């Protein structure tokens, strides 16, 4: 079984889900993601302005990130805890824009690429996440099962 890290450059869709103190959910579209500096971490990038997501991260830090490759629906859900939020650096911008463009190209087969291209992709905040659990979410046998250690 391939790793969720393989989806980072494959034009995958990225989403982050958070919750507030009353367990009300919030979902935001991510512009990109990158392997974190430390093993077991991931950096995700979200366009500035998702105030509820940021408030939820400040409140409790719990996150679920979904990565889904549209061409074959290879999907993973990662659960964990936000370690910090910072402004995305200028040196991260090319990779973020490349992922945004790859996602738009992958959405072309469903004639949604033009919609994705219209989405803002910069400036972003970077959210550092400690990945605690990974689940296979690809439709079919094994969907929902925990993957790896």
N, C-alpha and C. Protein backbone atom coordinates (compact mmCIF):
# COMPACT_ATOMS: atom_id res chain seq x y z
N UNK A 1 0.85 -1.19 0.00
CA UNK A 1 0.00 0.00 0.00
C UNK A 1 0.89 1.24 0.00
N UNK A 2 0.56 2.19 -0.86
CA UNK A 2 1.39 3.38 -0.91
C UNK A 2 1.08 4.31 0.26
N UNK A 3 1.96 5.24 0.47
CA UNK A 3 1.87 6.17 1.58
C UNK A 3 1.09 7.42 1.16
N UNK A 4 0.51 8.08 2.14
CA UNK A 4 -0.17 9.34 1.85
C UNK A 4 0.82 10.37 1.31
N UNK A 5 2.10 10.25 1.63
CA UNK A 5 3.10 11.20 1.15
C UNK A 5 3.20 11.18 -0.37
N UNK A 6 2.90 10.05 -1.00
CA UNK A 6 2.94 9.96 -2.45
C UNK A 6 1.88 10.83 -3.11
N UNK A 7 0.82 11.14 -2.39
CA UNK A 7 -0.26 11.96 -2.96
C UNK A 7 0.08 13.44 -2.99
N UNK A 8 1.13 13.85 -2.29
CA UNK A 8 1.42 15.28 -2.16
C UNK A 8 1.71 15.95 -3.50
N UNK A 9 2.28 15.23 -4.44
CA UNK A 9 2.60 15.82 -5.74
C UNK A 9 1.72 15.28 -6.86
N UNK A 10 0.68 14.53 -6.52
CA UNK A 10 -0.16 13.88 -7.52
C UNK A 10 -1.44 14.63 -7.85
N UNK A 11 -1.53 15.89 -7.53
CA UNK A 11 -2.75 16.63 -7.82
C UNK A 11 -3.90 16.28 -6.90
N UNK A 12 -3.58 15.89 -5.70
CA UNK A 12 -4.61 15.52 -4.73
C UNK A 12 -5.35 16.74 -4.21
N UNK A 13 -6.56 16.49 -3.76
CA UNK A 13 -7.34 17.49 -3.03
C UNK A 13 -6.97 17.36 -1.56
N UNK A 14 -6.83 18.48 -0.87
CA UNK A 14 -6.46 18.49 0.54
C UNK A 14 -7.51 19.27 1.32
N UNK A 15 -7.96 18.69 2.43
CA UNK A 15 -8.94 19.35 3.30
C UNK A 15 -8.50 19.21 4.74
N UNK A 16 -8.87 20.18 5.57
CA UNK A 16 -8.62 20.08 7.00
C UNK A 16 -9.95 20.26 7.73
N UNK A 17 -10.18 19.39 8.69
CA UNK A 17 -11.39 19.48 9.52
C UNK A 17 -10.94 19.76 10.95
N UNK A 18 -11.65 20.67 11.59
CA UNK A 18 -11.41 21.00 12.99
C UNK A 18 -12.75 21.03 13.70
N UNK A 19 -12.69 21.25 15.01
CA UNK A 19 -13.93 21.37 15.78
C UNK A 19 -13.74 22.44 16.84
N UNK A 20 -14.88 23.03 17.24
CA UNK A 20 -14.80 24.02 18.31
C UNK A 20 -15.05 23.35 19.66
N UNK A 21 -15.14 24.13 20.71
CA UNK A 21 -15.30 23.59 22.07
C UNK A 21 -16.61 22.82 22.24
N UNK A 22 -17.62 23.15 21.43
CA UNK A 22 -18.91 22.45 21.50
C UNK A 22 -18.99 21.31 20.47
N UNK A 23 -17.87 20.95 19.89
CA UNK A 23 -17.78 19.88 18.89
C UNK A 23 -18.49 20.20 17.57
N UNK A 24 -18.68 21.48 17.25
CA UNK A 24 -19.22 21.86 15.94
C UNK A 24 -18.08 21.78 14.93
N UNK A 25 -18.29 21.07 13.83
CA UNK A 25 -17.21 20.89 12.86
C UNK A 25 -17.01 22.10 11.95
N UNK A 26 -15.81 22.19 11.42
CA UNK A 26 -15.47 23.19 10.41
C UNK A 26 -14.52 22.51 9.44
N UNK A 27 -14.72 22.74 8.15
CA UNK A 27 -13.86 22.16 7.12
C UNK A 27 -13.35 23.28 6.23
N UNK A 28 -12.07 23.24 5.92
CA UNK A 28 -11.45 24.22 5.04
C UNK A 28 -10.66 23.50 3.96
N UNK A 29 -10.63 24.10 2.79
CA UNK A 29 -9.83 23.58 1.69
C UNK A 29 -8.38 24.01 1.92
N UNK A 30 -7.47 23.08 1.71
CA UNK A 30 -6.05 23.37 1.81
C UNK A 30 -5.47 23.59 0.42
N UNK A 31 -4.47 24.43 0.34
CA UNK A 31 -3.83 24.71 -0.94
C UNK A 31 -2.72 23.73 -1.23
N UNK A 32 -2.15 23.13 -0.18
CA UNK A 32 -1.07 22.17 -0.39
C UNK A 32 -0.64 21.55 0.91
N UNK A 33 0.35 20.68 0.81
CA UNK A 33 0.89 19.99 1.98
C UNK A 33 2.32 19.56 1.67
N UNK A 34 3.09 19.37 2.71
CA UNK A 34 4.48 18.92 2.56
C UNK A 34 4.85 18.07 3.76
N UNK A 35 5.74 17.13 3.55
CA UNK A 35 6.26 16.35 4.66
C UNK A 35 6.87 17.32 5.67
N UNK A 36 6.64 17.07 6.94
CA UNK A 36 7.18 17.93 7.98
C UNK A 36 8.68 17.74 8.17
N UNK A 37 9.25 18.61 8.94
CA UNK A 37 10.69 18.53 9.21
C UNK A 37 11.04 17.34 10.09
N UNK A 38 10.14 16.98 10.98
CA UNK A 38 10.35 15.86 11.89
C UNK A 38 9.54 14.66 11.41
N UNK A 39 10.05 13.44 11.65
CA UNK A 39 9.26 12.26 11.29
C UNK A 39 7.89 12.29 11.97
N UNK A 40 6.86 11.87 11.25
CA UNK A 40 5.52 11.85 11.81
C UNK A 40 4.83 13.20 11.82
N UNK A 41 5.39 14.18 11.10
CA UNK A 41 4.74 15.49 11.02
C UNK A 41 4.43 15.83 9.57
N UNK A 42 3.49 16.72 9.40
CA UNK A 42 3.05 17.18 8.09
C UNK A 42 2.80 18.68 8.20
N UNK A 43 3.17 19.42 7.17
CA UNK A 43 2.84 20.83 7.09
C UNK A 43 1.76 20.99 6.04
N UNK A 44 0.65 21.61 6.40
CA UNK A 44 -0.41 21.88 5.44
C UNK A 44 -0.54 23.38 5.29
N UNK A 45 -0.98 23.79 4.09
CA UNK A 45 -1.07 25.21 3.76
C UNK A 45 -2.51 25.57 3.45
N UNK A 46 -2.97 26.62 4.09
CA UNK A 46 -4.35 27.08 3.96
C UNK A 46 -4.32 28.57 3.63
N UNK A 47 -5.10 28.98 2.65
CA UNK A 47 -5.17 30.39 2.31
C UNK A 47 -5.64 31.17 3.53
N UNK A 48 -5.04 32.33 3.74
CA UNK A 48 -5.44 33.17 4.87
C UNK A 48 -6.93 33.48 4.80
N UNK A 49 -7.55 33.60 5.95
CA UNK A 49 -8.95 34.01 6.01
C UNK A 49 -9.90 32.98 6.57
N UNK A 50 -9.45 31.76 6.77
CA UNK A 50 -10.32 30.74 7.37
C UNK A 50 -10.31 30.93 8.88
N UNK A 51 -10.99 31.96 9.35
CA UNK A 51 -10.91 32.36 10.76
C UNK A 51 -11.44 31.30 11.72
N UNK A 52 -12.50 30.59 11.36
CA UNK A 52 -13.05 29.58 12.27
C UNK A 52 -12.05 28.43 12.44
N UNK A 53 -11.42 28.00 11.37
CA UNK A 53 -10.42 26.94 11.47
C UNK A 53 -9.30 27.36 12.40
N UNK A 54 -8.81 28.58 12.23
CA UNK A 54 -7.72 29.06 13.09
C UNK A 54 -8.16 29.18 14.53
N UNK A 55 -9.40 29.62 14.76
CA UNK A 55 -9.91 29.71 16.14
C UNK A 55 -9.99 28.32 16.76
N UNK A 56 -10.44 27.34 15.98
CA UNK A 56 -10.53 25.97 16.50
C UNK A 56 -9.14 25.42 16.82
N UNK A 57 -8.17 25.72 16.00
CA UNK A 57 -6.80 25.26 16.27
C UNK A 57 -6.27 25.87 17.55
N UNK A 58 -6.56 27.14 17.77
CA UNK A 58 -6.13 27.79 19.02
C UNK A 58 -6.84 27.18 20.23
N UNK A 59 -8.11 26.82 20.04
CA UNK A 59 -8.91 26.28 21.14
C UNK A 59 -8.46 24.89 21.58
N UNK A 60 -8.28 23.97 20.60
CA UNK A 60 -7.99 22.58 20.99
C UNK A 60 -6.95 21.89 20.13
N UNK A 61 -6.65 22.40 18.97
CA UNK A 61 -5.59 21.86 18.13
C UNK A 61 -5.88 20.54 17.43
N UNK A 62 -7.03 19.95 17.64
CA UNK A 62 -7.34 18.65 17.02
C UNK A 62 -7.66 18.84 15.54
N UNK A 63 -7.10 17.98 14.68
CA UNK A 63 -7.31 18.09 13.24
C UNK A 63 -7.52 16.72 12.61
N UNK A 64 -8.20 16.74 11.51
CA UNK A 64 -8.27 15.61 10.60
C UNK A 64 -7.99 16.18 9.21
N UNK A 65 -7.03 15.61 8.53
CA UNK A 65 -6.67 16.06 7.19
C UNK A 65 -7.00 14.95 6.22
N UNK A 66 -7.67 15.29 5.13
CA UNK A 66 -7.99 14.33 4.09
C UNK A 66 -7.21 14.68 2.83
N UNK A 67 -6.58 13.68 2.25
CA UNK A 67 -5.88 13.80 0.98
C UNK A 67 -6.53 12.83 0.02
N UNK A 68 -7.03 13.32 -1.10
CA UNK A 68 -7.75 12.47 -2.05
C UNK A 68 -7.29 12.76 -3.47
N UNK A 69 -6.80 11.72 -4.15
CA UNK A 69 -6.39 11.84 -5.55
C UNK A 69 -7.64 11.61 -6.40
N UNK A 70 -8.04 12.60 -7.16
CA UNK A 70 -9.30 12.55 -7.89
C UNK A 70 -9.35 11.53 -9.00
N UNK A 71 -8.23 11.26 -9.64
CA UNK A 71 -8.26 10.37 -10.80
C UNK A 71 -8.58 8.92 -10.44
N UNK A 72 -8.27 8.51 -9.20
CA UNK A 72 -8.58 7.14 -8.80
C UNK A 72 -9.17 7.04 -7.39
N UNK A 73 -9.43 8.18 -6.77
CA UNK A 73 -10.02 8.27 -5.43
C UNK A 73 -9.17 7.63 -4.34
N UNK A 74 -7.86 7.50 -4.58
CA UNK A 74 -6.94 7.04 -3.53
C UNK A 74 -7.00 8.10 -2.44
N UNK A 75 -7.42 7.71 -1.25
CA UNK A 75 -7.72 8.68 -0.20
C UNK A 75 -7.19 8.22 1.15
N UNK A 76 -6.64 9.16 1.89
CA UNK A 76 -6.19 8.92 3.26
C UNK A 76 -6.77 9.99 4.16
N UNK A 77 -7.05 9.62 5.40
CA UNK A 77 -7.40 10.60 6.43
C UNK A 77 -6.35 10.49 7.52
N UNK A 78 -5.83 11.63 7.90
CA UNK A 78 -4.81 11.72 8.94
C UNK A 78 -5.42 12.45 10.12
N UNK A 79 -5.28 11.89 11.29
CA UNK A 79 -5.77 12.54 12.50
C UNK A 79 -4.58 12.89 13.37
N UNK A 80 -4.68 14.04 14.01
CA UNK A 80 -3.57 14.46 14.85
C UNK A 80 -3.83 15.76 15.55
N UNK A 81 -2.74 16.44 15.85
CA UNK A 81 -2.78 17.66 16.64
C UNK A 81 -1.91 18.72 15.98
N UNK A 82 -2.45 19.93 15.90
CA UNK A 82 -1.67 21.05 15.35
C UNK A 82 -0.60 21.44 16.36
N UNK A 83 0.62 21.54 15.87
CA UNK A 83 1.75 21.95 16.71
C UNK A 83 1.97 23.45 16.67
N UNK A 84 1.50 24.09 15.61
CA UNK A 84 1.67 25.53 15.48
C UNK A 84 1.17 26.04 14.16
N UNK A 85 0.94 27.33 14.10
CA UNK A 85 0.48 28.01 12.90
C UNK A 85 1.40 29.20 12.69
N UNK A 86 1.82 29.39 11.44
CA UNK A 86 2.69 30.51 11.09
C UNK A 86 2.36 30.96 9.68
N UNK A 87 2.86 32.11 9.31
CA UNK A 87 2.72 32.56 7.93
C UNK A 87 3.59 31.68 7.04
N UNK A 88 3.06 31.28 5.90
CA UNK A 88 3.86 30.51 4.95
C UNK A 88 4.98 31.41 4.44
N UNK A 89 6.15 30.81 4.28
CA UNK A 89 7.32 31.56 3.81
C UNK A 89 7.33 31.67 2.29
N UNK A 90 7.98 32.69 1.82
CA UNK A 90 8.09 32.92 0.38
C UNK A 90 8.76 31.73 -0.32
N UNK A 91 9.72 31.08 0.34
CA UNK A 91 10.40 29.94 -0.30
C UNK A 91 9.48 28.72 -0.39
N UNK A 92 8.36 28.71 0.31
CA UNK A 92 7.39 27.62 0.21
C UNK A 92 6.38 27.86 -0.91
N UNK A 93 6.29 29.09 -1.35
CA UNK A 93 5.27 29.48 -2.34
C UNK A 93 5.33 28.67 -3.64
N UNK A 94 6.49 28.45 -4.25
CA UNK A 94 6.50 27.69 -5.51
C UNK A 94 5.89 26.29 -5.37
N UNK A 95 6.18 25.59 -4.31
CA UNK A 95 5.62 24.25 -4.11
C UNK A 95 4.11 24.32 -3.90
N UNK A 96 3.65 25.32 -3.17
CA UNK A 96 2.21 25.49 -2.93
C UNK A 96 1.49 25.75 -4.25
N UNK A 97 2.04 26.65 -5.06
CA UNK A 97 1.42 26.98 -6.34
C UNK A 97 1.47 25.77 -7.29
N UNK A 98 2.55 25.00 -7.24
CA UNK A 98 2.66 23.80 -8.08
C UNK A 98 1.57 22.78 -7.69
N UNK A 99 1.35 22.59 -6.38
CA UNK A 99 0.31 21.66 -5.94
C UNK A 99 -1.08 22.16 -6.33
N UNK A 100 -1.30 23.46 -6.19
CA UNK A 100 -2.59 24.02 -6.58
C UNK A 100 -2.85 23.79 -8.07
N UNK A 101 -1.82 24.01 -8.89
CA UNK A 101 -1.96 23.81 -10.32
C UNK A 101 -2.17 22.32 -10.65
N UNK A 102 -1.46 21.44 -9.95
CA UNK A 102 -1.63 19.99 -10.18
C UNK A 102 -3.05 19.56 -9.81
N UNK A 103 -3.59 20.11 -8.74
CA UNK A 103 -4.97 19.79 -8.35
C UNK A 103 -5.94 20.28 -9.43
N UNK A 104 -5.73 21.50 -9.94
CA UNK A 104 -6.61 22.02 -10.99
C UNK A 104 -6.55 21.13 -12.23
N UNK A 105 -5.36 20.69 -12.62
CA UNK A 105 -5.23 19.80 -13.77
C UNK A 105 -5.94 18.47 -13.53
N UNK A 106 -5.83 17.95 -12.31
CA UNK A 106 -6.49 16.67 -12.01
C UNK A 106 -8.01 16.83 -12.00
N UNK A 107 -8.48 18.01 -11.70
CA UNK A 107 -9.93 18.26 -11.68
C UNK A 107 -10.49 18.49 -13.07
N UNK A 108 -9.62 18.68 -14.07
CA UNK A 108 -10.08 18.91 -15.44
C UNK A 108 -10.92 17.76 -15.96
N UNK A 109 -10.61 16.52 -15.55
CA UNK A 109 -11.34 15.38 -16.09
C UNK A 109 -12.81 15.41 -15.66
N UNK A 110 -13.11 16.11 -14.59
CA UNK A 110 -14.51 16.28 -14.17
C UNK A 110 -15.01 17.68 -14.52
N UNK A 111 -14.25 18.35 -15.38
CA UNK A 111 -14.58 19.69 -15.84
C UNK A 111 -14.70 20.69 -14.70
N UNK A 112 -13.91 20.48 -13.67
CA UNK A 112 -13.90 21.39 -12.52
C UNK A 112 -12.60 22.18 -12.41
N UNK A 113 -11.66 21.91 -13.29
CA UNK A 113 -10.37 22.59 -13.21
C UNK A 113 -10.49 24.10 -13.25
N UNK A 114 -11.41 24.63 -14.07
CA UNK A 114 -11.57 26.08 -14.15
C UNK A 114 -12.05 26.66 -12.81
N UNK A 115 -12.83 25.88 -12.08
CA UNK A 115 -13.29 26.34 -10.76
C UNK A 115 -12.11 26.38 -9.79
N UNK A 116 -11.31 25.30 -9.78
CA UNK A 116 -10.16 25.24 -8.88
C UNK A 116 -9.18 26.35 -9.21
N UNK A 117 -8.96 26.63 -10.49
CA UNK A 117 -8.02 27.69 -10.89
C UNK A 117 -8.47 29.06 -10.39
N UNK A 118 -9.77 29.23 -10.16
CA UNK A 118 -10.28 30.53 -9.70
C UNK A 118 -10.09 30.73 -8.20
N UNK A 119 -9.76 29.66 -7.47
CA UNK A 119 -9.56 29.77 -6.04
C UNK A 119 -8.25 30.48 -5.73
N UNK A 120 -8.27 31.30 -4.70
CA UNK A 120 -7.03 31.92 -4.24
C UNK A 120 -6.08 30.84 -3.76
N UNK A 121 -4.78 31.06 -3.96
CA UNK A 121 -3.79 30.09 -3.51
C UNK A 121 -2.64 30.74 -2.72
N UNK A 122 -2.70 32.03 -2.54
CA UNK A 122 -1.66 32.75 -1.79
C UNK A 122 -2.23 34.07 -1.37
N UNK A 123 -1.90 34.63 -0.22
CA UNK A 123 -0.97 34.17 0.81
C UNK A 123 -1.60 33.07 1.68
N UNK A 124 -0.74 32.28 2.29
CA UNK A 124 -1.17 31.13 3.07
C UNK A 124 -0.63 31.17 4.49
N UNK A 125 -1.28 30.40 5.33
CA UNK A 125 -0.71 30.08 6.64
C UNK A 125 -0.25 28.62 6.55
N UNK A 126 0.80 28.31 7.29
CA UNK A 126 1.32 26.95 7.37
C UNK A 126 0.92 26.39 8.73
N UNK A 127 0.35 25.21 8.72
CA UNK A 127 -0.08 24.55 9.95
C UNK A 127 0.76 23.29 10.10
N UNK A 128 1.54 23.25 11.16
CA UNK A 128 2.38 22.08 11.44
C UNK A 128 1.54 21.09 12.24
N UNK A 129 1.51 19.85 11.78
CA UNK A 129 0.66 18.83 12.40
C UNK A 129 1.48 17.61 12.81
N UNK A 130 1.23 17.13 14.00
CA UNK A 130 1.77 15.83 14.40
C UNK A 130 0.72 14.79 14.01
N UNK A 131 1.08 13.90 13.10
CA UNK A 131 0.17 12.86 12.62
C UNK A 131 0.18 11.72 13.63
N UNK A 132 -0.99 11.45 14.21
CA UNK A 132 -1.10 10.40 15.23
C UNK A 132 -1.71 9.12 14.68
N UNK A 133 -2.60 9.24 13.70
CA UNK A 133 -3.26 8.08 13.10
C UNK A 133 -3.47 8.33 11.61
N UNK A 134 -3.34 7.27 10.81
CA UNK A 134 -3.60 7.34 9.38
C UNK A 134 -4.61 6.25 9.04
N UNK A 135 -5.63 6.64 8.27
CA UNK A 135 -6.68 5.70 7.88
C UNK A 135 -6.80 5.67 6.36
N UNK A 136 -6.96 4.46 5.81
CA UNK A 136 -7.26 4.31 4.39
C UNK A 136 -8.72 4.70 4.20
N UNK A 137 -8.99 5.55 3.23
CA UNK A 137 -10.36 5.97 2.97
C UNK A 137 -10.74 5.76 1.51
N UNK A 138 -9.89 5.06 0.76
CA UNK A 138 -10.22 4.75 -0.63
C UNK A 138 -11.44 3.84 -0.63
N UNK A 139 -12.46 4.15 -1.44
CA UNK A 139 -13.63 3.29 -1.47
C UNK A 139 -13.26 1.85 -1.81
N UNK A 140 -13.91 0.92 -1.13
CA UNK A 140 -13.68 -0.50 -1.38
C UNK A 140 -13.21 -1.22 -0.13
N UNK A 141 -12.74 -2.46 -0.30
CA UNK A 141 -12.28 -3.24 0.84
C UNK A 141 -11.16 -2.51 1.57
N UNK A 142 -11.24 -2.47 2.86
CA UNK A 142 -10.21 -1.81 3.66
C UNK A 142 -10.48 -0.35 3.97
N UNK A 143 -11.52 0.21 3.39
CA UNK A 143 -11.83 1.61 3.68
C UNK A 143 -12.13 1.76 5.17
N UNK A 144 -11.53 2.74 5.77
CA UNK A 144 -11.74 3.01 7.19
C UNK A 144 -10.74 2.32 8.10
N UNK A 145 -9.91 1.46 7.54
CA UNK A 145 -8.94 0.75 8.37
C UNK A 145 -7.71 1.61 8.63
N UNK A 146 -7.17 1.44 9.82
CA UNK A 146 -5.96 2.14 10.20
C UNK A 146 -4.80 1.59 9.37
N UNK A 147 -3.91 2.50 8.96
CA UNK A 147 -2.77 2.14 8.13
C UNK A 147 -1.48 2.43 8.91
N UNK A 148 -0.51 1.54 8.84
CA UNK A 148 0.80 1.79 9.41
C UNK A 148 0.79 1.86 10.93
N UNK A 149 1.95 2.33 11.43
CA UNK A 149 2.10 2.40 12.89
C UNK A 149 1.94 3.81 13.38
